[in-house]
Amino acid sequence: MRTVDLIHRKRDGEELSVQEIAFLVDGYTSGAIPDYQMSAFLMATFFSGMTDREVSALTDRMIGSGEHIDLSSIPGMKVDKHSTGGVGDKTSLIAAPLAAAAGVIVPMVSGRALGHTGGTLDKLESIPGFRTNLTIDEFRAQLAETGLAFIGQTPQVAPADGKLYSLRDATATVESIPLIASSIMSKKMSAGLDALVLDVKVGTGAFMKTVENARELARTMVLAPSHPAQRGERRLERDADGLGRGDPCRPRGRGHAATASAIASGGALSAETARAARSARSRITQGMIASAVSAAEAQNAVP
């Protein structure tokens, strides 16, 4: 198997097999495939796209490049959220603590700046003394103590995504739905979640410029992991709240958020958490809590 042949085939719009995608991911992660060849593959993918089968294979291999974080020792529902980014996007900094205060365990695997958008980790690390480069043991300990922890991609968690993330930023291949979906889901599905809320930003300040593209990204992210337990139903909604004053993500004066909830199994929640789901003012926070409730109900319904 030769890298140049796979680049050629993807350039021509052909579908690659699971084994061929594994060859590319493993080779680039280990250093056997150089930046210039993977850059060519990313650009070919940018223009030719990927099938759902390819996206699943890419996501699964990126998850498998590192460790799966086992959070089973921590009681409670584990729910994360991800916003696809946009100018002024500070959703995680608000939604995560609110959900944690309502009783949800929030193991947040976040990203850094990409393209013209700032990353959650970069914002947090602007606070003197704030550290996000936690070990997995530190991540677990903080979750057990506070119910909320932020961590980034590490050599242990989806290392393939770490390398591809930086390369996409340097090669103008950020705005690719298959590459966005596989990057996000490989990080999130490495963290032992019970539920996940996906917030897709739309508008001139976001990566997705149209509602149609946002819907396609939401659909692709929900289907990206191949394991059935990591999938769920998607829910799309328009949100006119925006991201802040003078929000540049609002196309023609209206902001849109396409939210997809990937629900897996989970444990029981308290009545207080269920009430918080109904009363939360933040729509994304409400989605996180409601997804935890749904996941708990799904498990309780299993005989």
Foldseek 3Di string as FASTA:
>chain_A
DDLVVVLVCLLVQHADDLVVLLCVLVCVLVVVDDLVSVLSSLVSCLVNPYDLNRLQSNLVSLLVQAAQQDLVVADAAEEEEDEQFFVLAPPCVPLQVLLVVLPHQYLYAWDADAAPGGTNVVVQPVPPPDDQCDDSVVSSVCCNVRSYHYHYADSRQSSSLVVVRVSCRVNVSSLHLSNSLSSVLSRVRSHPHQKYKYKYWEPDGGSHPDPVVSVVSLVSNQSSHPDPQQHAFFAFDFDQPANDPPHRSAHPNGIGITMTMGGGAHADDDPSLVVCLVVPPDPRSNVRSVSSHVNRVVNVPPD
